[in-house]
Amino acid sequence: MHAVTAFDPTTGAQLWTYTGDSHSGATLVDASSDGGLYAVSSGTPASVPYLVRLDPATGHSTPAQPTAEVSALNNTTSVVAYR
């Protein structure tokens, strides 16, 4: 299972780990200019993965807000830009 883990840069101590909202896994995607982190929460067998914004201090997630569809990858998948 993938997870996003934050470490203290001075001590190397682990600060938090995000394993997805359903604890089924997560993958770091990008960092925002205001210091937020974006990750894909893997979802569950009954749901699809989705993008979340992680608080860099706590690792708490909030759903990312879509801004515009960017491009279609195939007939069933599309890429959406988030802010």
C-alpha atoms as a PDB file:
ATOM      1  CA  MET A   1       0.000   0.000   0.000  1.00  0.00           C
ATOM      2  CA  HIS A   2       1.248   3.483  -0.846  1.00  0.00           C
ATOM      3  CA  ALA A   3       1.212   6.298   1.702  1.00  0.00           C
ATOM      4  CA  VAL A   4       2.311   9.926   2.008  1.00  0.00           C
ATOM      5  CA  THR A   5       4.582  10.495   5.019  1.00  0.00           C
ATOM      6  CA  ALA A   6       5.952  13.783   6.376  1.00  0.00           C
ATOM      7  CA  PHE A   7       9.220  14.076   8.292  1.00  0.00           C
ATOM      8  CA  ASP A   8      10.719  16.868  10.397  1.00  0.00           C
ATOM      9  CA  PRO A   9      13.650  18.158   8.297  1.00  0.00           C
ATOM     10  CA  THR A  10      15.722  18.958  11.395  1.00  0.00           C
ATOM     11  CA  THR A  11      15.287  15.809  13.465  1.00  0.00           C
ATOM     12  CA  GLY A  12      14.167  13.304  10.847  1.00  0.00           C
ATOM     13  CA  ALA A  13      11.252  12.320  13.085  1.00  0.00           C
ATOM     14  CA  GLN A  14       8.093  11.171  11.359  1.00  0.00           C
ATOM     15  CA  LEU A  15       5.325  13.788  11.733  1.00  0.00           C
ATOM     16  CA  TRP A  16       2.355  12.061  10.115  1.00  0.00           C
ATOM     17  CA  THR A  17       1.337   9.471   7.529  1.00  0.00           C
ATOM     18  CA  TYR A  18      -1.654   9.701   5.195  1.00  0.00           C
ATOM     19  CA  THR A  19      -2.878   6.322   3.920  1.00  0.00           C
ATOM     20  CA  GLY A  20      -5.961   7.618   2.132  1.00  0.00           C
ATOM     21  CA  ASP A  21      -9.367   8.541   3.466  1.00  0.00           C
ATOM     22  CA  SER A  22     -10.399   4.866   3.511  1.00  0.00           C
ATOM     23  CA  HIS A  23      -6.878   3.681   4.484  1.00  0.00           C
ATOM     24  CA  SER A  24      -6.596   1.883   1.135  1.00  0.00           C
ATOM     25  CA  GLY A  25      -3.549   3.862  -0.011  1.00  0.00           C
ATOM     26  CA  ALA A  26      -2.500   7.280  -1.262  1.00  0.00           C
ATOM     27  CA  THR A  27      -0.001   8.734  -3.725  1.00  0.00           C
ATOM     28  CA  LEU A  28       1.550  12.204  -3.550  1.00  0.00           C
ATOM     29  CA  VAL A  29       0.787  14.196  -6.710  1.00  0.00           C
ATOM     30  CA  ASP A  30       2.027  17.781  -6.283  1.00  0.00           C
ATOM     31  CA  ALA A  31       2.611  20.687  -3.917  1.00  0.00           C
ATOM     32  CA  SER A  32       0.796  24.014  -4.210  1.00  0.00           C
ATOM     33  CA  SER A  33       2.390  27.450  -4.055  1.00  0.00           C
ATOM     34  CA  ASP A  34       0.780  28.045  -0.650  1.00  0.00           C
ATOM     35  CA  GLY A  35       2.440  24.953   0.831  1.00  0.00           C
ATOM     36  CA  GLY A  36      -0.470  22.540   0.526  1.00  0.00           C
ATOM     37  CA  LEU A  37       0.060  19.030  -0.773  1.00  0.00           C
ATOM     38  CA  TYR A  38      -2.111  17.156  -3.254  1.00  0.00           C
ATOM     39  CA  ALA A  39      -2.529  13.404  -3.162  1.00  0.00           C
ATOM     40  CA  VAL A  40      -4.731  10.767  -4.728  1.00  0.00           C
ATOM     41  CA  SER A  41      -6.703   8.803  -2.163  1.00  0.00           C
ATOM     42  CA  SER A  42      -7.035   5.281  -3.548  1.00  0.00           C
ATOM     43  CA  GLY A  43     -10.676   4.929  -2.595  1.00  0.00           C
ATOM     44  CA  THR A  44     -12.206   1.552  -1.801  1.00  0.00           C
ATOM     45  CA  PRO A  45     -13.155  -1.416  -3.950  1.00  0.00           C
ATOM     46  CA  ALA A  46     -16.608   0.190  -4.237  1.00  0.00           C
ATOM     47  CA  SER A  47     -15.358   3.704  -5.107  1.00  0.00           C
ATOM     48  CA  VAL A  48     -12.902   5.384  -7.448  1.00  0.00           C
ATOM     49  CA  PRO A  49      -9.685   7.216  -6.493  1.00  0.00           C
ATOM     50  CA  TYR A  50     -10.023  10.958  -5.949  1.00  0.00           C
ATOM     51  CA  LEU A  51      -7.813  13.987  -5.376  1.00  0.00           C
ATOM     52  CA  VAL A  52      -7.426  15.510  -1.909  1.00  0.00           C
ATOM     53  CA  ARG A  53      -5.510  18.438  -0.454  1.00  0.00           C
ATOM     54  CA  LEU A  54      -3.350  17.600   2.568  1.00  0.00           C
ATOM     55  CA  ASP A  55      -2.511  20.067   5.318  1.00  0.00           C
ATOM     56  CA  PRO A  56       1.315  19.932   5.467  1.00  0.00           C
ATOM     57  CA  ALA A  57       1.343  20.429   9.256  1.00  0.00           C
ATOM     58  CA  THR A  58      -1.198  17.753  10.171  1.00  0.00           C
ATOM     59  CA  GLY A  59      -1.758  15.504   7.151  1.00  0.00           C
ATOM     60  CA  HIS A  60      -5.515  16.031   7.403  1.00  0.00           C
ATOM     61  CA  SER A  61      -7.254  15.816   4.042  1.00  0.00           C
ATOM     62  CA  THR A  62      -9.982  17.838   2.384  1.00  0.00           C
ATOM     63  CA  PRO A  63     -11.461  17.137  -1.057  1.00  0.00           C
ATOM     64  CA  ALA A  64      -9.726  19.140  -3.791  1.00  0.00           C
ATOM     65  CA  GLN A  65     -12.029  21.405  -5.798  1.00  0.00           C
ATOM     66  CA  PRO A  66     -12.063  20.844  -9.577  1.00  0.00           C
ATOM     67  CA  THR A  67     -11.477  23.917 -11.716  1.00  0.00           C
ATOM     68  CA  ALA A  68     -11.597  22.625 -15.300  1.00  0.00           C
ATOM     69  CA  GLU A  69     -11.293  19.456 -17.330  1.00  0.00           C
ATOM     70  CA  VAL A  70      -7.914  19.354 -19.044  1.00  0.00           C
ATOM     71  CA  SER A  71      -7.964  16.422 -21.462  1.00  0.00           C
ATOM     72  CA  ALA A  72      -9.408  12.982 -22.078  1.00  0.00           C
ATOM     73  CA  LEU A  73      -7.043  10.014 -21.732  1.00  0.00           C
ATOM     74  CA  ASN A  74      -9.444   7.472 -23.256  1.00  0.00           C
ATOM     75  CA  ASN A  75     -13.168   6.877 -23.497  1.00  0.00           C
ATOM     76  CA  THR A  76     -13.607   6.245 -19.763  1.00  0.00           C
ATOM     77  CA  THR A  77     -10.965   8.398 -18.044  1.00  0.00           C
ATOM     78  CA  SER A  78     -10.382  12.133 -18.003  1.00  0.00           C
ATOM     79  CA  VAL A  79      -7.848  14.364 -16.296  1.00  0.00           C
ATOM     80  CA  VAL A  80      -9.190  17.235 -14.238  1.00  0.00           C
ATOM     81  CA  ALA A  81      -7.192  20.248 -13.067  1.00  0.00           C
ATOM     82  CA  TYR A  82      -7.612  21.009  -9.367  1.00  0.00           C
ATOM     83  CA  ARG A  83      -6.860  24.081  -7.323  1.00  0.00           C
END
